[in-house]
Amino acid sequence: MAVRLKKRREVIEAIYEGGVFRPLKPIRPSIPEGTRVRLIVKPSVKELLDAFEGVEAKEDVDEVFSELRRREAWPRR
């Protein structure tokens, strides 16, 4: 018997409070209650901008961000 899984990828912004991730907006009802999910924590755009505050861009910003993504070298706090 073949099992077919739907590939689903959704971005859900959340805040971490009291040991629990709380979505900032209501979750669509397409995610059944009790569904196990995987969270990937990434810095927000504001955190990235704060990390680079005061740094003068001497290269194309899009190329720099592409290289950072390739290296997975986002600043960690």
N, C-alpha and C. Protein backbone atom coordinates (compact mmCIF):
# COMPACT_ATOMS: atom_id res chain seq x y z
N MET A 1 0.84 -1.17 0.00
CA MET A 1 0.00 0.00 0.00
C MET A 1 0.89 1.24 0.00
N ALA A 2 0.73 2.10 -0.95
CA ALA A 2 1.52 3.33 -1.05
C ALA A 2 0.86 4.43 -0.22
N VAL A 3 1.69 5.15 0.50
CA VAL A 3 1.20 6.27 1.29
C VAL A 3 1.64 7.55 0.60
N ARG A 4 0.72 8.44 0.35
CA ARG A 4 1.05 9.71 -0.30
C ARG A 4 0.92 10.83 0.71
N LEU A 5 1.99 11.54 0.88
CA LEU A 5 1.97 12.68 1.78
C LEU A 5 1.95 13.96 0.96
N LYS A 6 1.15 14.89 1.39
CA LYS A 6 1.13 16.19 0.73
C LYS A 6 2.32 16.99 1.23
N LYS A 7 3.09 17.50 0.31
CA LYS A 7 4.18 18.39 0.71
C LYS A 7 3.57 19.74 0.99
N ARG A 8 3.76 20.19 2.21
CA ARG A 8 3.16 21.45 2.61
C ARG A 8 4.25 22.29 3.27
N ARG A 9 4.31 23.52 2.84
CA ARG A 9 5.25 24.44 3.45
C ARG A 9 4.50 25.75 3.69
N GLU A 10 4.45 26.14 4.92
CA GLU A 10 3.80 27.39 5.28
C GLU A 10 4.73 28.16 6.19
N VAL A 11 4.70 29.46 6.06
CA VAL A 11 5.44 30.32 6.96
C VAL A 11 4.45 30.88 7.96
N ILE A 12 4.69 30.59 9.22
CA ILE A 12 3.83 31.06 10.29
C ILE A 12 4.69 31.85 11.26
N GLU A 13 4.45 33.14 11.35
CA GLU A 13 5.22 33.96 12.28
C GLU A 13 4.68 33.72 13.68
N ALA A 14 5.61 33.59 14.63
CA ALA A 14 5.21 33.30 16.01
C ALA A 14 6.15 34.01 16.96
N ILE A 15 5.72 34.08 18.19
CA ILE A 15 6.55 34.64 19.26
C ILE A 15 6.72 33.55 20.31
N TYR A 16 7.89 33.48 20.90
CA TYR A 16 8.17 32.48 21.91
C TYR A 16 7.97 33.11 23.29
N GLU A 17 7.00 32.60 24.03
CA GLU A 17 6.67 33.13 25.35
C GLU A 17 6.32 31.98 26.29
N GLY A 18 6.90 32.02 27.46
CA GLY A 18 6.55 31.02 28.47
C GLY A 18 6.78 29.59 28.02
N GLY A 19 7.81 29.38 27.19
CA GLY A 19 8.13 28.03 26.73
C GLY A 19 7.25 27.51 25.60
N VAL A 20 6.46 28.41 24.99
CA VAL A 20 5.53 28.01 23.92
C VAL A 20 5.64 28.98 22.75
N PHE A 21 5.61 28.44 21.53
CA PHE A 21 5.55 29.29 20.34
C PHE A 21 4.08 29.63 20.10
N ARG A 22 3.78 30.93 20.07
CA ARG A 22 2.40 31.40 19.87
C ARG A 22 2.32 32.11 18.53
N PRO A 23 1.48 31.61 17.60
CA PRO A 23 1.34 32.26 16.30
C PRO A 23 0.85 33.70 16.44
N LEU A 24 1.36 34.58 15.59
CA LEU A 24 0.94 35.98 15.63
C LEU A 24 -0.41 36.18 14.94
N LYS A 25 -0.79 35.26 14.07
CA LYS A 25 -2.09 35.32 13.39
C LYS A 25 -2.76 33.96 13.52
N PRO A 26 -4.07 33.91 13.38
CA PRO A 26 -4.75 32.61 13.46
C PRO A 26 -4.22 31.64 12.40
N ILE A 27 -4.10 30.38 12.78
CA ILE A 27 -3.65 29.32 11.87
C ILE A 27 -4.83 28.91 11.00
N ARG A 28 -4.53 28.71 9.72
CA ARG A 28 -5.59 28.24 8.82
C ARG A 28 -6.12 26.89 9.31
N PRO A 29 -7.40 26.65 9.13
CA PRO A 29 -7.96 25.37 9.59
C PRO A 29 -7.46 24.16 8.81
N SER A 30 -6.62 24.36 7.79
CA SER A 30 -6.11 23.23 7.02
C SER A 30 -5.08 22.42 7.79
N ILE A 31 -4.62 22.93 8.94
CA ILE A 31 -3.68 22.19 9.76
C ILE A 31 -4.48 21.57 10.90
N PRO A 32 -4.67 20.26 10.84
CA PRO A 32 -5.49 19.61 11.88
C PRO A 32 -4.87 19.74 13.27
N GLU A 33 -5.72 19.83 14.27
CA GLU A 33 -5.30 19.88 15.67
C GLU A 33 -4.41 18.67 15.96
N GLY A 34 -3.33 18.88 16.66
CA GLY A 34 -2.43 17.79 17.04
C GLY A 34 -1.39 17.44 15.99
N THR A 35 -1.38 18.18 14.87
CA THR A 35 -0.41 17.92 13.81
C THR A 35 0.99 18.24 14.31
N ARG A 36 1.92 17.35 14.06
CA ARG A 36 3.32 17.58 14.43
C ARG A 36 3.97 18.40 13.32
N VAL A 37 4.68 19.47 13.71
CA VAL A 37 5.34 20.35 12.73
C VAL A 37 6.80 20.51 13.11
N ARG A 38 7.59 21.02 12.20
CA ARG A 38 9.00 21.33 12.45
C ARG A 38 9.18 22.83 12.33
N LEU A 39 9.77 23.43 13.34
CA LEU A 39 10.02 24.87 13.34
C LEU A 39 11.48 25.12 12.96
N ILE A 40 11.68 26.09 12.09
CA ILE A 40 13.03 26.54 11.74
C ILE A 40 13.08 28.00 12.15
N VAL A 41 13.93 28.30 13.11
CA VAL A 41 14.01 29.66 13.64
C VAL A 41 15.04 30.45 12.85
N LYS A 42 14.58 31.55 12.27
CA LYS A 42 15.45 32.43 11.49
C LYS A 42 15.30 33.84 12.03
N PRO A 43 16.35 34.63 11.89
CA PRO A 43 16.24 36.01 12.35
C PRO A 43 15.25 36.79 11.50
N SER A 44 14.63 37.77 12.11
CA SER A 44 13.72 38.63 11.37
C SER A 44 14.54 39.63 10.55
N VAL A 45 13.89 40.29 9.63
CA VAL A 45 14.56 41.32 8.83
C VAL A 45 15.09 42.41 9.75
N LYS A 46 14.32 42.77 10.78
CA LYS A 46 14.77 43.79 11.72
C LYS A 46 16.05 43.36 12.43
N GLU A 47 16.12 42.10 12.84
CA GLU A 47 17.34 41.60 13.49
C GLU A 47 18.53 41.66 12.54
N LEU A 48 18.30 41.32 11.28
CA LEU A 48 19.39 41.39 10.29
C LEU A 48 19.84 42.83 10.09
N LEU A 49 18.88 43.74 9.98
CA LEU A 49 19.24 45.15 9.80
C LEU A 49 19.98 45.68 11.02
N ASP A 50 19.53 45.29 12.21
CA ASP A 50 20.22 45.70 13.43
C ASP A 50 21.65 45.16 13.46
N ALA A 51 21.83 43.92 13.02
CA ALA A 51 23.16 43.31 13.03
C ALA A 51 24.12 44.04 12.10
N PHE A 52 23.59 44.59 11.01
CA PHE A 52 24.44 45.27 10.03
C PHE A 52 24.40 46.79 10.17
N GLU A 53 23.81 47.29 11.25
CA GLU A 53 23.72 48.73 11.46
C GLU A 53 25.12 49.34 11.48
N GLY A 54 25.27 50.41 10.73
CA GLY A 54 26.55 51.11 10.68
C GLY A 54 27.56 50.53 9.71
N VAL A 55 27.24 49.41 9.08
CA VAL A 55 28.14 48.81 8.11
C VAL A 55 27.87 49.43 6.75
N GLU A 56 28.92 49.95 6.13
CA GLU A 56 28.78 50.57 4.82
C GLU A 56 28.79 49.49 3.75
N ALA A 57 27.79 49.53 2.87
CA ALA A 57 27.72 48.55 1.79
C ALA A 57 28.70 48.92 0.69
N LYS A 58 29.70 48.07 0.49
CA LYS A 58 30.67 48.30 -0.57
C LYS A 58 30.46 47.32 -1.73
N GLU A 59 29.47 46.43 -1.54
CA GLU A 59 29.15 45.45 -2.57
C GLU A 59 27.64 45.45 -2.78
N ASP A 60 27.21 44.76 -3.82
CA ASP A 60 25.80 44.63 -4.09
C ASP A 60 25.13 43.88 -2.94
N VAL A 61 24.14 44.49 -2.30
CA VAL A 61 23.50 43.91 -1.12
C VAL A 61 22.88 42.55 -1.44
N ASP A 62 22.23 42.42 -2.61
CA ASP A 62 21.61 41.15 -2.97
C ASP A 62 22.65 40.04 -3.07
N GLU A 63 23.82 40.36 -3.63
CA GLU A 63 24.88 39.35 -3.73
C GLU A 63 25.39 38.96 -2.35
N VAL A 64 25.52 39.94 -1.46
CA VAL A 64 25.99 39.64 -0.10
C VAL A 64 25.00 38.74 0.61
N PHE A 65 23.70 39.08 0.56
CA PHE A 65 22.70 38.24 1.21
C PHE A 65 22.65 36.84 0.59
N SER A 66 22.81 36.74 -0.72
CA SER A 66 22.82 35.42 -1.37
C SER A 66 23.98 34.58 -0.84
N GLU A 67 25.13 35.20 -0.70
CA GLU A 67 26.30 34.49 -0.18
C GLU A 67 26.08 34.08 1.27
N LEU A 68 25.48 34.95 2.08
CA LEU A 68 25.20 34.60 3.48
C LEU A 68 24.22 33.43 3.55
N ARG A 69 23.21 33.45 2.70
CA ARG A 69 22.25 32.34 2.68
C ARG A 69 22.95 31.05 2.29
N ARG A 70 23.82 31.14 1.29
CA ARG A 70 24.54 29.95 0.83
C ARG A 70 25.37 29.36 1.96
N ARG A 71 26.01 30.21 2.71
CA ARG A 71 26.86 29.77 3.82
C ARG A 71 26.08 29.50 5.10
N GLU A 72 24.80 29.89 5.11
CA GLU A 72 23.97 29.82 6.32
C GLU A 72 24.67 30.56 7.46
N ALA A 73 25.16 31.76 7.14
CA ALA A 73 25.95 32.52 8.11
C ALA A 73 25.18 33.69 8.71
N TRP A 74 23.88 33.50 8.94
CA TRP A 74 23.10 34.56 9.56
C TRP A 74 23.61 34.79 10.97
N PRO A 75 23.60 36.01 11.42
CA PRO A 75 24.05 36.27 12.79
C PRO A 75 23.14 35.59 13.81
N ARG A 76 23.73 35.01 14.82
CA ARG A 76 22.97 34.34 15.88
C ARG A 76 23.03 35.18 17.13
N ARG A 77 21.93 35.28 17.83
CA ARG A 77 21.91 36.03 19.09
C ARG A 77 21.68 35.09 20.23
